[in-house]
Amino acid sequence: MDYAHNVAAYEAIIATGRQLTQGRLIGVIAAPSDRRDTDLIAIGQICGAGFDGLMINGG
């Protein structure tokens, strides 16, 4: 759907995905390597709670 750059963008993608489907929401996520550890942890928490399944690109 989009390449999110921060927590707010991931939250928006999850909310939009939930509006588009009644079924499971699977996320394929990655985060730029120049993010702080605290940002990456927050992204993981948001995505872990918001998606029913995840594929994570550790690039």
PDB file of N, CA and C in Angstrom:
ATOM      1  N   MET A   1       0.820  -1.181   0.000  1.00  0.00           N
ATOM      2  CA  MET A   1       0.000   0.000   0.000  1.00  0.00           C
ATOM      3  C   MET A   1       0.873   1.258   0.000  1.00  0.00           C
ATOM      4  N   ASP A   2       1.899   1.271   0.838  1.00  0.00           N
ATOM      5  CA  ASP A   2       2.743   2.448   0.954  1.00  0.00           C
ATOM      6  C   ASP A   2       4.008   2.056   1.682  1.00  0.00           C
ATOM      7  N   TYR A   3       4.992   2.888   1.566  1.00  0.00           N
ATOM      8  CA  TYR A   3       6.214   2.719   2.343  1.00  0.00           C
ATOM      9  C   TYR A   3       6.151   3.718   3.485  1.00  0.00           C
ATOM     10  N   ALA A   4       5.900   3.236   4.675  1.00  0.00           N
ATOM     11  CA  ALA A   4       5.755   4.106   5.838  1.00  0.00           C
ATOM     12  C   ALA A   4       7.129   4.491   6.376  1.00  0.00           C
ATOM     13  N   HIS A   5       7.238   5.713   6.841  1.00  0.00           N
ATOM     14  CA  HIS A   5       8.512   6.217   7.354  1.00  0.00           C
ATOM     15  C   HIS A   5       8.505   6.449   8.865  1.00  0.00           C
ATOM     16  N   ASN A   6       7.341   6.346   9.492  1.00  0.00           N
ATOM     17  CA  ASN A   6       7.271   6.608  10.929  1.00  0.00           C
ATOM     18  C   ASN A   6       6.036   5.916  11.515  1.00  0.00           C
ATOM     19  N   VAL A   7       5.916   5.983  12.842  1.00  0.00           N
ATOM     20  CA  VAL A   7       4.822   5.304  13.533  1.00  0.00           C
ATOM     21  C   VAL A   7       3.462   5.793  13.042  1.00  0.00           C
ATOM     22  N   ALA A   8       3.311   7.085  12.875  1.00  0.00           N
ATOM     23  CA  ALA A   8       2.023   7.637  12.435  1.00  0.00           C
ATOM     24  C   ALA A   8       1.611   7.071  11.075  1.00  0.00           C
ATOM     25  N   ALA A   9       2.571   6.886  10.183  1.00  0.00           N
ATOM     26  CA  ALA A   9       2.263   6.333   8.861  1.00  0.00           C
ATOM     27  C   ALA A   9       1.840   4.870   8.965  1.00  0.00           C
ATOM     28  N   TYR A  10       2.512   4.105   9.824  1.00  0.00           N
ATOM     29  CA  TYR A  10       2.102   2.708  10.021  1.00  0.00           C
ATOM     30  C   TYR A  10       0.703   2.643  10.623  1.00  0.00           C
ATOM     31  N   GLU A  11       0.404   3.508  11.576  1.00  0.00           N
ATOM     32  CA  GLU A  11      -0.932   3.543  12.176  1.00  0.00           C
ATOM     33  C   GLU A  11      -1.995   3.846  11.121  1.00  0.00           C
ATOM     34  N   ALA A  12      -1.704   4.784  10.223  1.00  0.00           N
ATOM     35  CA  ALA A  12      -2.648   5.147   9.176  1.00  0.00           C
ATOM     36  C   ALA A  12      -2.863   3.992   8.197  1.00  0.00           C
ATOM     37  N   ILE A  13      -1.786   3.298   7.850  1.00  0.00           N
ATOM     38  CA  ILE A  13      -1.900   2.159   6.939  1.00  0.00           C
ATOM     39  C   ILE A  13      -2.738   1.050   7.570  1.00  0.00           C
ATOM     40  N   ILE A  14      -2.503   0.773   8.846  1.00  0.00           N
ATOM     41  CA  ILE A  14      -3.267  -0.264   9.535  1.00  0.00           C
ATOM     42  C   ILE A  14      -4.745   0.120   9.590  1.00  0.00           C
ATOM     43  N   ALA A  15      -5.030   1.360   9.940  1.00  0.00           N
ATOM     44  CA  ALA A  15      -6.424   1.815  10.023  1.00  0.00           C
ATOM     45  C   ALA A  15      -7.111   1.708   8.666  1.00  0.00           C
ATOM     46  N   THR A  16      -6.416   2.106   7.606  1.00  0.00           N
ATOM     47  CA  THR A  16      -6.985   2.026   6.264  1.00  0.00           C
ATOM     48  C   THR A  16      -7.197   0.571   5.859  1.00  0.00           C
ATOM     49  N   GLY A  17      -6.215  -0.274   6.140  1.00  0.00           N
ATOM     50  CA  GLY A  17      -6.347  -1.694   5.822  1.00  0.00           C
ATOM     51  C   GLY A  17      -7.531  -2.320   6.523  1.00  0.00           C
ATOM     52  N   ARG A  18      -7.761  -1.950   7.772  1.00  0.00           N
ATOM     53  CA  ARG A  18      -8.904  -2.486   8.527  1.00  0.00           C
ATOM     54  C   ARG A  18     -10.231  -2.043   7.906  1.00  0.00           C
ATOM     55  N   GLN A  19     -10.254  -0.865   7.323  1.00  0.00           N
ATOM     56  CA  GLN A  19     -11.470  -0.388   6.671  1.00  0.00           C
ATOM     57  C   GLN A  19     -11.715  -1.093   5.342  1.00  0.00           C
ATOM     58  N   LEU A  20     -10.660  -1.597   4.735  1.00  0.00           N
ATOM     59  CA  LEU A  20     -10.768  -2.219   3.417  1.00  0.00           C
ATOM     60  C   LEU A  20     -11.090  -3.709   3.465  1.00  0.00           C
ATOM     61  N   THR A  21     -10.936  -4.334   4.612  1.00  0.00           N
ATOM     62  CA  THR A  21     -11.171  -5.777   4.677  1.00  0.00           C
ATOM     63  C   THR A  21     -11.855  -6.174   5.976  1.00  0.00           C
ATOM     64  N   GLN A  22     -12.655  -7.206   5.880  1.00  0.00           N
ATOM     65  CA  GLN A  22     -13.270  -7.815   7.050  1.00  0.00           C
ATOM     66  C   GLN A  22     -12.409  -8.988   7.523  1.00  0.00           C
ATOM     67  N   GLY A  23     -11.476  -9.412   6.662  1.00  0.00           N
ATOM     68  CA  GLY A  23     -10.660 -10.590   6.945  1.00  0.00           C
ATOM     69  C   GLY A  23      -9.349 -10.229   7.634  1.00  0.00           C
ATOM     70  N   ARG A  24      -8.426 -11.153   7.532  1.00  0.00           N
ATOM     71  CA  ARG A  24      -7.114 -10.961   8.146  1.00  0.00           C
ATOM     72  C   ARG A  24      -6.329  -9.878   7.431  1.00  0.00           C
ATOM     73  N   LEU A  25      -5.558  -9.141   8.200  1.00  0.00           N
ATOM     74  CA  LEU A  25      -4.714  -8.078   7.649  1.00  0.00           C
ATOM     75  C   LEU A  25      -3.262  -8.486   7.844  1.00  0.00           C
ATOM     76  N   ILE A  26      -2.587  -8.727   6.731  1.00  0.00           N
ATOM     77  CA  ILE A  26      -1.199  -9.167   6.763  1.00  0.00           C
ATOM     78  C   ILE A  26      -0.313  -8.003   6.345  1.00  0.00           C
ATOM     79  N   GLY A  27       0.706  -7.728   7.129  1.00  0.00           N
ATOM     80  CA  GLY A  27       1.626  -6.634   6.822  1.00  0.00           C
ATOM     81  C   GLY A  27       2.971  -7.149   6.353  1.00  0.00           C
ATOM     82  N   VAL A  28       3.529  -6.490   5.363  1.00  0.00           N
ATOM     83  CA  VAL A  28       4.904  -6.718   4.930  1.00  0.00           C
ATOM     84  C   VAL A  28       5.613  -5.416   5.258  1.00  0.00           C
ATOM     85  N   ILE A  29       6.464  -5.454   6.271  1.00  0.00           N
ATOM     86  CA  ILE A  29       7.008  -4.200   6.773  1.00  0.00           C
ATOM     87  C   ILE A  29       8.531  -4.161   6.708  1.00  0.00           C
ATOM     88  N   ALA A  30       9.026  -2.955   6.664  1.00  0.00           N
ATOM     89  CA  ALA A  30      10.455  -2.661   6.736  1.00  0.00           C
ATOM     90  C   ALA A  30      10.572  -1.271   7.328  1.00  0.00           C
ATOM     91  N   ALA A  31      11.717  -0.967   7.833  1.00  0.00           N
ATOM     92  CA  ALA A  31      11.956   0.373   8.366  1.00  0.00           C
ATOM     93  C   ALA A  31      13.338   0.825   7.913  1.00  0.00           C
ATOM     94  N   PRO A  32      13.478   2.091   7.574  1.00  0.00           N
ATOM     95  CA  PRO A  32      14.782   2.593   7.150  1.00  0.00           C
ATOM     96  C   PRO A  32      15.831   2.378   8.248  1.00  0.00           C
ATOM     97  N   SER A  33      17.034   2.095   7.845  1.00  0.00           N
ATOM     98  CA  SER A  33      18.092   1.773   8.808  1.00  0.00           C
ATOM     99  C   SER A  33      18.596   2.985   9.590  1.00  0.00           C
ATOM    100  N   ASP A  34      18.175   4.175   9.190  1.00  0.00           N
ATOM    101  CA  ASP A  34      18.647   5.356   9.917  1.00  0.00           C
ATOM    102  C   ASP A  34      17.719   5.754  11.071  1.00  0.00           C
ATOM    103  N   ARG A  35      16.803   4.869  11.467  1.00  0.00           N
ATOM    104  CA  ARG A  35      15.878   5.156  12.570  1.00  0.00           C
ATOM    105  C   ARG A  35      16.519   4.807  13.909  1.00  0.00           C
ATOM    106  N   ARG A  36      16.126   5.533  14.942  1.00  0.00           N
ATOM    107  CA  ARG A  36      16.601   5.243  16.293  1.00  0.00           C
ATOM    108  C   ARG A  36      16.005   3.917  16.765  1.00  0.00           C
ATOM    109  N   ASP A  37      16.690   3.263  17.694  1.00  0.00           N
ATOM    110  CA  ASP A  37      16.181   2.009  18.237  1.00  0.00           C
ATOM    111  C   ASP A  37      14.786   2.190  18.818  1.00  0.00           C
ATOM    112  N   THR A  38      14.545   3.304  19.495  1.00  0.00           N
ATOM    113  CA  THR A  38      13.223   3.538  20.086  1.00  0.00           C
ATOM    114  C   THR A  38      12.151   3.634  19.012  1.00  0.00           C
ATOM    115  N   ASP A  39      12.486   4.214  17.869  1.00  0.00           N
ATOM    116  CA  ASP A  39      11.533   4.295  16.752  1.00  0.00           C
ATOM    117  C   ASP A  39      11.229   2.909  16.197  1.00  0.00           C
ATOM    118  N   LEU A  40      12.263   2.089  16.033  1.00  0.00           N
ATOM    119  CA  LEU A  40      12.073   0.740  15.505  1.00  0.00           C
ATOM    120  C   LEU A  40      11.247  -0.110  16.460  1.00  0.00           C
ATOM    121  N   ILE A  41      11.474   0.043  17.744  1.00  0.00           N
ATOM    122  CA  ILE A  41      10.679  -0.686  18.734  1.00  0.00           C
ATOM    123  C   ILE A  41       9.215  -0.261  18.655  1.00  0.00           C
ATOM    124  N   ALA A  42       8.970   1.039  18.552  1.00  0.00           N
ATOM    125  CA  ALA A  42       7.592   1.542  18.456  1.00  0.00           C
ATOM    126  C   ALA A  42       6.916   1.029  17.192  1.00  0.00           C
ATOM    127  N   ILE A  43       7.635   1.007  16.079  1.00  0.00           N
ATOM    128  CA  ILE A  43       7.084   0.485  14.830  1.00  0.00           C
ATOM    129  C   ILE A  43       6.711  -0.991  15.007  1.00  0.00           C
ATOM    130  N   GLY A  44       7.590  -1.760  15.637  1.00  0.00           N
ATOM    131  CA  GLY A  44       7.307  -3.169  15.883  1.00  0.00           C
ATOM    132  C   GLY A  44       6.090  -3.366  16.762  1.00  0.00           C
ATOM    133  N   GLN A  45       5.945  -2.542  17.784  1.00  0.00           N
ATOM    134  CA  GLN A  45       4.788  -2.660  18.678  1.00  0.00           C
ATOM    135  C   GLN A  45       3.492  -2.326  17.958  1.00  0.00           C
ATOM    136  N   ILE A  46       3.494  -1.250  17.188  1.00  0.00           N
ATOM    137  CA  ILE A  46       2.299  -0.840  16.442  1.00  0.00           C
ATOM    138  C   ILE A  46       1.911  -1.914  15.430  1.00  0.00           C
ATOM    139  N   CYS A  47       2.891  -2.404  14.688  1.00  0.00           N
ATOM    140  CA  CYS A  47       2.596  -3.399  13.658  1.00  0.00           C
ATOM    141  C   CYS A  47       2.218  -4.743  14.268  1.00  0.00           C
ATOM    142  N   GLY A  48       2.863  -5.119  15.358  1.00  0.00           N
ATOM    143  CA  GLY A  48       2.523  -6.372  16.023  1.00  0.00           C
ATOM    144  C   GLY A  48       1.101  -6.376  16.547  1.00  0.00           C
ATOM    145  N   ALA A  49       0.667  -5.228  17.025  1.00  0.00           N
ATOM    146  CA  ALA A  49      -0.705  -5.118  17.549  1.00  0.00           C
ATOM    147  C   ALA A  49      -1.734  -4.909  16.437  1.00  0.00           C
ATOM    148  N   GLY A  50      -1.328  -4.267  15.347  1.00  0.00           N
ATOM    149  CA  GLY A  50      -2.293  -3.868  14.320  1.00  0.00           C
ATOM    150  C   GLY A  50      -2.541  -4.881  13.226  1.00  0.00           C
ATOM    151  N   PHE A  51      -1.544  -5.699  12.907  1.00  0.00           N
ATOM    152  CA  PHE A  51      -1.692  -6.692  11.851  1.00  0.00           C
ATOM    153  C   PHE A  51      -1.970  -8.058  12.459  1.00  0.00           C
ATOM    154  N   ASP A  52      -2.644  -8.912  11.695  1.00  0.00           N
ATOM    155  CA  ASP A  52      -2.895 -10.282  12.124  1.00  0.00           C
ATOM    156  C   ASP A  52      -1.707 -11.183  11.837  1.00  0.00           C
ATOM    157  N   GLY A  53      -0.884 -10.780  10.910  1.00  0.00           N
ATOM    158  CA  GLY A  53       0.334 -11.507  10.559  1.00  0.00           C
ATOM    159  C   GLY A  53       1.336 -10.534   9.968  1.00  0.00           C
ATOM    160  N   LEU A  54       2.616 -10.865  10.075  1.00  0.00           N
ATOM    161  CA  LEU A  54       3.663  -9.961   9.571  1.00  0.00           C
ATOM    162  C   LEU A  54       4.721 -10.721   8.812  1.00  0.00           C
ATOM    163  N   MET A  55       5.246 -10.096   7.771  1.00  0.00           N
ATOM    164  CA  MET A  55       6.478 -10.499   7.112  1.00  0.00           C
ATOM    165  C   MET A  55       7.380  -9.295   7.265  1.00  0.00           C
ATOM    166  N   ILE A  56       8.545  -9.501   7.854  1.00  0.00           N
ATOM    167  CA  ILE A  56       9.432  -8.385   8.177  1.00  0.00           C
ATOM    168  C   ILE A  56      10.681  -8.468   7.346  1.00  0.00           C
ATOM    169  N   ASN A  57      11.013  -7.352   6.681  1.00  0.00           N
ATOM    170  CA  ASN A  57      12.241  -7.237   5.900  1.00  0.00           C
ATOM    171  C   ASN A  57      13.314  -6.644   6.809  1.00  0.00           C
ATOM    172  N   GLY A  58      14.284  -7.439   7.166  1.00  0.00           N
ATOM    173  CA  GLY A  58      15.347  -6.971   8.051  1.00  0.00           C
ATOM    174  C   GLY A  58      16.484  -6.298   7.309  1.00  0.00           C
ATOM    175  N   GLY A  59      16.399  -6.240   5.983  1.00  0.00           N
ATOM    176  CA  GLY A  59      17.332  -5.611   5.085  1.00  0.00           C
ATOM    177  C   GLY A  59      18.585  -5.250   5.682  1.00  0.00           C
TER     178      GLY A  59
END
